[in-house]
Amino acid sequence: MRRKVALITGAATGIGKRTAMELAKENYNIAITYVHSRKESEDLVELLEQEYGIEACCVKSDASIEKDC
């Protein structure tokens, strides 16, 4: 079965983190971006994969900078 993938910018903390967790509950794979929150992003990826059994990854990227997109 193919899962949908959600790309969430700034998902390491706050609303983005909560959104990632809610979508993981709904069986989405998650790709998150971060600018400064590398450790928090990596921790979230690990949590999502272990807790919800989905695939997740994080990438350093700033959506406000065109070359990062």
PDB file of N, CA and C in Angstrom:
ATOM      1  N   MET A   1       0.836  -1.175   0.000  1.00  0.00           N
ATOM      2  CA  MET A   1       0.000   0.000   0.000  1.00  0.00           C
ATOM      3  C   MET A   1       0.887   1.246   0.000  1.00  0.00           C
ATOM      4  N   ARG A   2       0.553   2.194  -0.837  1.00  0.00           N
ATOM      5  CA  ARG A   2       1.291   3.458  -0.890  1.00  0.00           C
ATOM      6  C   ARG A   2       0.655   4.443   0.082  1.00  0.00           C
ATOM      7  N   ARG A   3       1.518   5.109   0.818  1.00  0.00           N
ATOM      8  CA  ARG A   3       1.040   6.129   1.748  1.00  0.00           C
ATOM      9  C   ARG A   3       1.212   7.506   1.135  1.00  0.00           C
ATOM     10  N   LYS A   4       0.366   8.413   1.556  1.00  0.00           N
ATOM     11  CA  LYS A   4       0.546   9.809   1.194  1.00  0.00           C
ATOM     12  C   LYS A   4       1.712  10.352   2.003  1.00  0.00           C
ATOM     13  N   VAL A   5       2.361  11.387   1.462  1.00  0.00           N
ATOM     14  CA  VAL A   5       3.483  12.026   2.135  1.00  0.00           C
ATOM     15  C   VAL A   5       3.125  13.482   2.398  1.00  0.00           C
ATOM     16  N   ALA A   6       3.353  13.912   3.625  1.00  0.00           N
ATOM     17  CA  ALA A   6       3.141  15.310   3.988  1.00  0.00           C
ATOM     18  C   ALA A   6       4.497  15.982   4.145  1.00  0.00           C
ATOM     19  N   LEU A   7       4.676  17.133   3.509  1.00  0.00           N
ATOM     20  CA  LEU A   7       5.869  17.953   3.665  1.00  0.00           C
ATOM     21  C   LEU A   7       5.479  19.116   4.567  1.00  0.00           C
ATOM     22  N   ILE A   8       6.151  19.190   5.711  1.00  0.00           N
ATOM     23  CA  ILE A   8       5.812  20.216   6.698  1.00  0.00           C
ATOM     24  C   ILE A   8       7.049  21.062   6.963  1.00  0.00           C
ATOM     25  N   THR A   9       6.944  22.356   6.702  1.00  0.00           N
ATOM     26  CA  THR A   9       8.073  23.246   6.963  1.00  0.00           C
ATOM     27  C   THR A   9       8.032  23.675   8.423  1.00  0.00           C
ATOM     28  N   GLY A  10       9.190  23.702   9.044  1.00  0.00           N
ATOM     29  CA  GLY A  10       9.274  24.129  10.439  1.00  0.00           C
ATOM     30  C   GLY A  10       8.547  23.217  11.400  1.00  0.00           C
ATOM     31  N   ALA A  11       8.668  21.920  11.207  1.00  0.00           N
ATOM     32  CA  ALA A  11       7.894  20.974  11.996  1.00  0.00           C
ATOM     33  C   ALA A  11       8.579  20.515  13.274  1.00  0.00           C
ATOM     34  N   ALA A  12       9.738  21.048  13.599  1.00  0.00           N
ATOM     35  CA  ALA A  12      10.471  20.572  14.769  1.00  0.00           C
ATOM     36  C   ALA A  12       9.794  20.929  16.084  1.00  0.00           C
ATOM     37  N   THR A  13       9.036  22.015  16.082  1.00  0.00           N
ATOM     38  CA  THR A  13       8.404  22.478  17.323  1.00  0.00           C
ATOM     39  C   THR A  13       7.011  23.031  17.037  1.00  0.00           C
ATOM     40  N   GLY A  14       6.292  23.280  18.073  1.00  0.00           N
ATOM     41  CA  GLY A  14       5.016  23.992  18.002  1.00  0.00           C
ATOM     42  C   GLY A  14       3.958  23.348  17.121  1.00  0.00           C
ATOM     43  N   ILE A  15       3.274  24.206  16.371  1.00  0.00           N
ATOM     44  CA  ILE A  15       2.163  23.761  15.526  1.00  0.00           C
ATOM     45  C   ILE A  15       2.630  22.776  14.465  1.00  0.00           C
ATOM     46  N   GLY A  16       3.803  23.016  13.876  1.00  0.00           N
ATOM     47  CA  GLY A  16       4.322  22.098  12.864  1.00  0.00           C
ATOM     48  C   GLY A  16       4.551  20.702  13.423  1.00  0.00           C
ATOM     49  N   LYS A  17       5.089  20.619  14.626  1.00  0.00           N
ATOM     50  CA  LYS A  17       5.317  19.323  15.274  1.00  0.00           C
ATOM     51  C   LYS A  17       3.992  18.615  15.525  1.00  0.00           C
ATOM     52  N   ARG A  18       3.029  19.355  16.040  1.00  0.00           N
ATOM     53  CA  ARG A  18       1.715  18.761  16.329  1.00  0.00           C
ATOM     54  C   ARG A  18       1.050  18.292  15.033  1.00  0.00           C
ATOM     55  N   THR A  19       1.190  19.057  13.975  1.00  0.00           N
ATOM     56  CA  THR A  19       0.638  18.667  12.672  1.00  0.00           C
ATOM     57  C   THR A  19       1.285  17.381  12.187  1.00  0.00           C
ATOM     58  N   ALA A  20       2.600  17.285  12.313  1.00  0.00           N
ATOM     59  CA  ALA A  20       3.308  16.067  11.905  1.00  0.00           C
ATOM     60  C   ALA A  20       2.796  14.857  12.687  1.00  0.00           C
ATOM     61  N   MET A  21       2.582  15.023  13.968  1.00  0.00           N
ATOM     62  CA  MET A  21       2.111  13.911  14.796  1.00  0.00           C
ATOM     63  C   MET A  21       0.688  13.501  14.406  1.00  0.00           C
ATOM     64  N   GLU A  22      -0.166  14.476  14.155  1.00  0.00           N
ATOM     65  CA  GLU A  22      -1.549  14.160  13.775  1.00  0.00           C
ATOM     66  C   GLU A  22      -1.596  13.446  12.421  1.00  0.00           C
ATOM     67  N   LEU A  23      -0.806  13.900  11.464  1.00  0.00           N
ATOM     68  CA  LEU A  23      -0.788  13.246  10.153  1.00  0.00           C
ATOM     69  C   LEU A  23      -0.171  11.851  10.233  1.00  0.00           C
ATOM     70  N   ALA A  24       0.830  11.670  11.077  1.00  0.00           N
ATOM     71  CA  ALA A  24       1.416  10.342  11.273  1.00  0.00           C
ATOM     72  C   ALA A  24       0.367   9.387  11.839  1.00  0.00           C
ATOM     73  N   LYS A  25      -0.474   9.879  12.734  1.00  0.00           N
ATOM     74  CA  LYS A  25      -1.576   9.059  13.278  1.00  0.00           C
ATOM     75  C   LYS A  25      -2.504   8.593  12.164  1.00  0.00           C
ATOM     76  N   GLU A  26      -2.632   9.419  11.122  1.00  0.00           N
ATOM     77  CA  GLU A  26      -3.493   9.102   9.980  1.00  0.00           C
ATOM     78  C   GLU A  26      -2.752   8.310   8.909  1.00  0.00           C
ATOM     79  N   ASN A  27      -1.557   7.826   9.248  1.00  0.00           N
ATOM     80  CA  ASN A  27      -0.777   6.933   8.388  1.00  0.00           C
ATOM     81  C   ASN A  27      -0.081   7.641   7.219  1.00  0.00           C
ATOM     82  N   TYR A  28       0.210   8.915   7.365  1.00  0.00           N
ATOM     83  CA  TYR A  28       1.002   9.641   6.378  1.00  0.00           C
ATOM     84  C   TYR A  28       2.483   9.441   6.677  1.00  0.00           C
ATOM     85  N   ASN A  29       3.295   9.328   5.648  1.00  0.00           N
ATOM     86  CA  ASN A  29       4.736   9.479   5.821  1.00  0.00           C
ATOM     87  C   ASN A  29       5.008  10.970   5.916  1.00  0.00           C
ATOM     88  N   ILE A  30       6.066  11.339   6.641  1.00  0.00           N
ATOM     89  CA  ILE A  30       6.308  12.745   6.939  1.00  0.00           C
ATOM     90  C   ILE A  30       7.709  13.166   6.524  1.00  0.00           C
ATOM     91  N   ALA A  31       7.788  14.293   5.810  1.00  0.00           N
ATOM     92  CA  ALA A  31       9.061  14.952   5.509  1.00  0.00           C
ATOM     93  C   ALA A  31       8.995  16.326   6.154  1.00  0.00           C
ATOM     94  N   ILE A  32       9.977  16.631   6.997  1.00  0.00           N
ATOM     95  CA  ILE A  32       9.971  17.920   7.668  1.00  0.00           C
ATOM     96  C   ILE A  32      11.239  18.698   7.326  1.00  0.00           C
ATOM     97  N   THR A  33      11.113  20.017   7.344  1.00  0.00           N
ATOM     98  CA  THR A  33      12.271  20.864   7.127  1.00  0.00           C
ATOM     99  C   THR A  33      12.560  21.652   8.400  1.00  0.00           C
ATOM    100  N   TYR A  34      13.806  22.037   8.527  1.00  0.00           N
ATOM    101  CA  TYR A  34      14.214  22.868   9.657  1.00  0.00           C
ATOM    102  C   TYR A  34      15.287  23.834   9.177  1.00  0.00           C
ATOM    103  N   VAL A  35      15.486  24.902   9.935  1.00  0.00           N
ATOM    104  CA  VAL A  35      16.558  25.841   9.659  1.00  0.00           C
ATOM    105  C   VAL A  35      17.614  25.737  10.755  1.00  0.00           C
ATOM    106  N   HIS A  36      17.173  25.802  12.018  1.00  0.00           N
ATOM    107  CA  HIS A  36      18.103  25.788  13.143  1.00  0.00           C
ATOM    108  C   HIS A  36      17.893  24.605  14.085  1.00  0.00           C
ATOM    109  N   SER A  37      16.790  23.922  13.997  1.00  0.00           N
ATOM    110  CA  SER A  37      16.388  22.925  14.994  1.00  0.00           C
ATOM    111  C   SER A  37      16.731  21.501  14.567  1.00  0.00           C
ATOM    112  N   ARG A  38      18.000  21.257  14.255  1.00  0.00           N
ATOM    113  CA  ARG A  38      18.400  19.937  13.764  1.00  0.00           C
ATOM    114  C   ARG A  38      18.100  18.829  14.775  1.00  0.00           C
ATOM    115  N   LYS A  39      18.544  18.983  15.994  1.00  0.00           N
ATOM    116  CA  LYS A  39      18.364  17.935  17.015  1.00  0.00           C
ATOM    117  C   LYS A  39      16.880  17.658  17.243  1.00  0.00           C
ATOM    118  N   GLU A  40      16.091  18.711  17.369  1.00  0.00           N
ATOM    119  CA  GLU A  40      14.651  18.543  17.583  1.00  0.00           C
ATOM    120  C   GLU A  40      14.005  17.840  16.396  1.00  0.00           C
ATOM    121  N   SER A  41      14.441  18.164  15.193  1.00  0.00           N
ATOM    122  CA  SER A  41      13.910  17.524  13.987  1.00  0.00           C
ATOM    123  C   SER A  41      14.264  16.048  13.944  1.00  0.00           C
ATOM    124  N   GLU A  42      15.513  15.728  14.247  1.00  0.00           N
ATOM    125  CA  GLU A  42      15.933  14.326  14.261  1.00  0.00           C
ATOM    126  C   GLU A  42      15.196  13.542  15.342  1.00  0.00           C
ATOM    127  N   ASP A  43      14.990  14.157  16.491  1.00  0.00           N
ATOM    128  CA  ASP A  43      14.229  13.499  17.565  1.00  0.00           C
ATOM    129  C   ASP A  43      12.788  13.245  17.138  1.00  0.00           C
ATOM    130  N   LEU A  44      12.190  14.210  16.452  1.00  0.00           N
ATOM    131  CA  LEU A  44      10.812  14.046  15.989  1.00  0.00           C
ATOM    132  C   LEU A  44      10.721  12.927  14.960  1.00  0.00           C
ATOM    133  N   VAL A  45      11.659  12.859  14.034  1.00  0.00           N
ATOM    134  CA  VAL A  45      11.669  11.779  13.042  1.00  0.00           C
ATOM    135  C   VAL A  45      11.698  10.423  13.738  1.00  0.00           C
ATOM    136  N   GLU A  46      12.573  10.289  14.716  1.00  0.00           N
ATOM    137  CA  GLU A  46      12.675   9.032  15.452  1.00  0.00           C
ATOM    138  C   GLU A  46      11.367   8.709  16.172  1.00  0.00           C
ATOM    139  N   LEU A  47      10.774   9.691  16.820  1.00  0.00           N
ATOM    140  CA  LEU A  47       9.504   9.495  17.516  1.00  0.00           C
ATOM    141  C   LEU A  47       8.408   9.055  16.557  1.00  0.00           C
ATOM    142  N   LEU A  48       8.285   9.736  15.433  1.00  0.00           N
ATOM    143  CA  LEU A  48       7.234   9.411  14.469  1.00  0.00           C
ATOM    144  C   LEU A  48       7.387   7.991  13.937  1.00  0.00           C
ATOM    145  N   GLU A  49       8.604   7.614  13.614  1.00  0.00           N
ATOM    146  CA  GLU A  49       8.831   6.271  13.076  1.00  0.00           C
ATOM    147  C   GLU A  49       8.544   5.197  14.120  1.00  0.00           C
ATOM    148  N   GLN A  50       8.976   5.425  15.341  1.00  0.00           N
ATOM    149  CA  GLN A  50       8.785   4.412  16.387  1.00  0.00           C
ATOM    150  C   GLN A  50       7.340   4.358  16.879  1.00  0.00           C
ATOM    151  N   GLU A  51       6.750   5.516  17.089  1.00  0.00           N
ATOM    152  CA  GLU A  51       5.407   5.588  17.674  1.00  0.00           C
ATOM    153  C   GLU A  51       4.306   5.213  16.680  1.00  0.00           C
ATOM    154  N   TYR A  52       4.459   5.627  15.419  1.00  0.00           N
ATOM    155  CA  TYR A  52       3.377   5.468  14.444  1.00  0.00           C
ATOM    156  C   TYR A  52       3.705   4.503  13.311  1.00  0.00           C
ATOM    157  N   GLY A  53       4.931   4.008  13.245  1.00  0.00           N
ATOM    158  CA  GLY A  53       5.296   3.029  12.230  1.00  0.00           C
ATOM    159  C   GLY A  53       5.297   3.573  10.811  1.00  0.00           C
ATOM    160  N   ILE A  54       5.540   4.860  10.672  1.00  0.00           N
ATOM    161  CA  ILE A  54       5.583   5.480   9.347  1.00  0.00           C
ATOM    162  C   ILE A  54       7.033   5.776   8.990  1.00  0.00           C
ATOM    163  N   GLU A  55       7.266   6.225   7.769  1.00  0.00           N
ATOM    164  CA  GLU A  55       8.595   6.677   7.369  1.00  0.00           C
ATOM    165  C   GLU A  55       8.638   8.193   7.508  1.00  0.00           C
ATOM    166  N   ALA A  56       9.760   8.692   8.024  1.00  0.00           N
ATOM    167  CA  ALA A  56       9.904  10.134   8.199  1.00  0.00           C
ATOM    168  C   ALA A  56      11.345  10.530   7.908  1.00  0.00           C
ATOM    169  N   CYS A  57      11.528  11.786   7.518  1.00  0.00           N
ATOM    170  CA  CYS A  57      12.871  12.313   7.306  1.00  0.00           C
ATOM    171  C   CYS A  57      12.863  13.804   7.589  1.00  0.00           C
ATOM    172  N   CYS A  58      14.055  14.340   7.823  1.00  0.00           N
ATOM    173  CA  CYS A  58      14.176  15.783   7.998  1.00  0.00           C
ATOM    174  C   CYS A  58      15.301  16.300   7.114  1.00  0.00           C
ATOM    175  N   VAL A  59      15.119  17.529   6.642  1.00  0.00           N
ATOM    176  CA  VAL A  59      16.072  18.151   5.726  1.00  0.00           C
ATOM    177  C   VAL A  59      16.261  19.603   6.143  1.00  0.00           C
ATOM    178  N   LYS A  60      17.519  20.047   6.187  1.00  0.00           N
ATOM    179  CA  LYS A  60      17.765  21.450   6.467  1.00  0.00           C
ATOM    180  C   LYS A  60      17.411  22.258   5.232  1.00  0.00           C
ATOM    181  N   SER A  61      16.450  23.148   5.378  1.00  0.00           N
ATOM    182  CA  SER A  61      15.981  23.949   4.258  1.00  0.00           C
ATOM    183  C   SER A  61      15.188  25.132   4.788  1.00  0.00           C
ATOM    184  N   ASP A  62      15.339  26.278   4.147  1.00  0.00           N
ATOM    185  CA  ASP A  62      14.592  27.477   4.504  1.00  0.00           C
ATOM    186  C   ASP A  62      13.658  27.792   3.347  1.00  0.00           C
ATOM    187  N   ALA A  63      12.372  27.613   3.562  1.00  0.00           N
ATOM    188  CA  ALA A  63      11.384  27.799   2.492  1.00  0.00           C
ATOM    189  C   ALA A  63      11.321  29.239   1.995  1.00  0.00           C
ATOM    190  N   SER A  64      11.890  30.175   2.742  1.00  0.00           N
ATOM    191  CA  SER A  64      11.891  31.562   2.291  1.00  0.00           C
ATOM    192  C   SER A  64      13.057  31.889   1.356  1.00  0.00           C
ATOM    193  N   ILE A  65      13.933  30.902   1.145  1.00  0.00           N
ATOM    194  CA  ILE A  65      15.084  31.077   0.246  1.00  0.00           C
ATOM    195  C   ILE A  65      14.900  30.161  -0.961  1.00  0.00           C
ATOM    196  N   GLU A  66      14.736  30.738  -2.123  1.00  0.00           N
ATOM    197  CA  GLU A  66      14.402  29.979  -3.328  1.00  0.00           C
ATOM    198  C   GLU A  66      15.359  28.836  -3.615  1.00  0.00           C
ATOM    199  N   LYS A  67      16.670  29.044  -3.460  1.00  0.00           N
ATOM    200  CA  LYS A  67      17.636  27.985  -3.769  1.00  0.00           C
ATOM    201  C   LYS A  67      17.542  26.810  -2.810  1.00  0.00           C
ATOM    202  N   ASP A  68      16.926  26.971  -1.650  1.00  0.00           N
ATOM    203  CA  ASP A  68      16.722  25.879  -0.696  1.00  0.00           C
ATOM    204  C   ASP A  68      15.532  24.997  -1.064  1.00  0.00           C
ATOM    205  N   CYS A  69      14.693  25.487  -1.957  1.00  0.00           N
ATOM    206  CA  CYS A  69      13.449  24.762  -2.287  1.00  0.00           C
ATOM    207  C   CYS A  69      13.650  23.750  -3.391  1.00  0.00           C
TER     208      CYS A  69
END
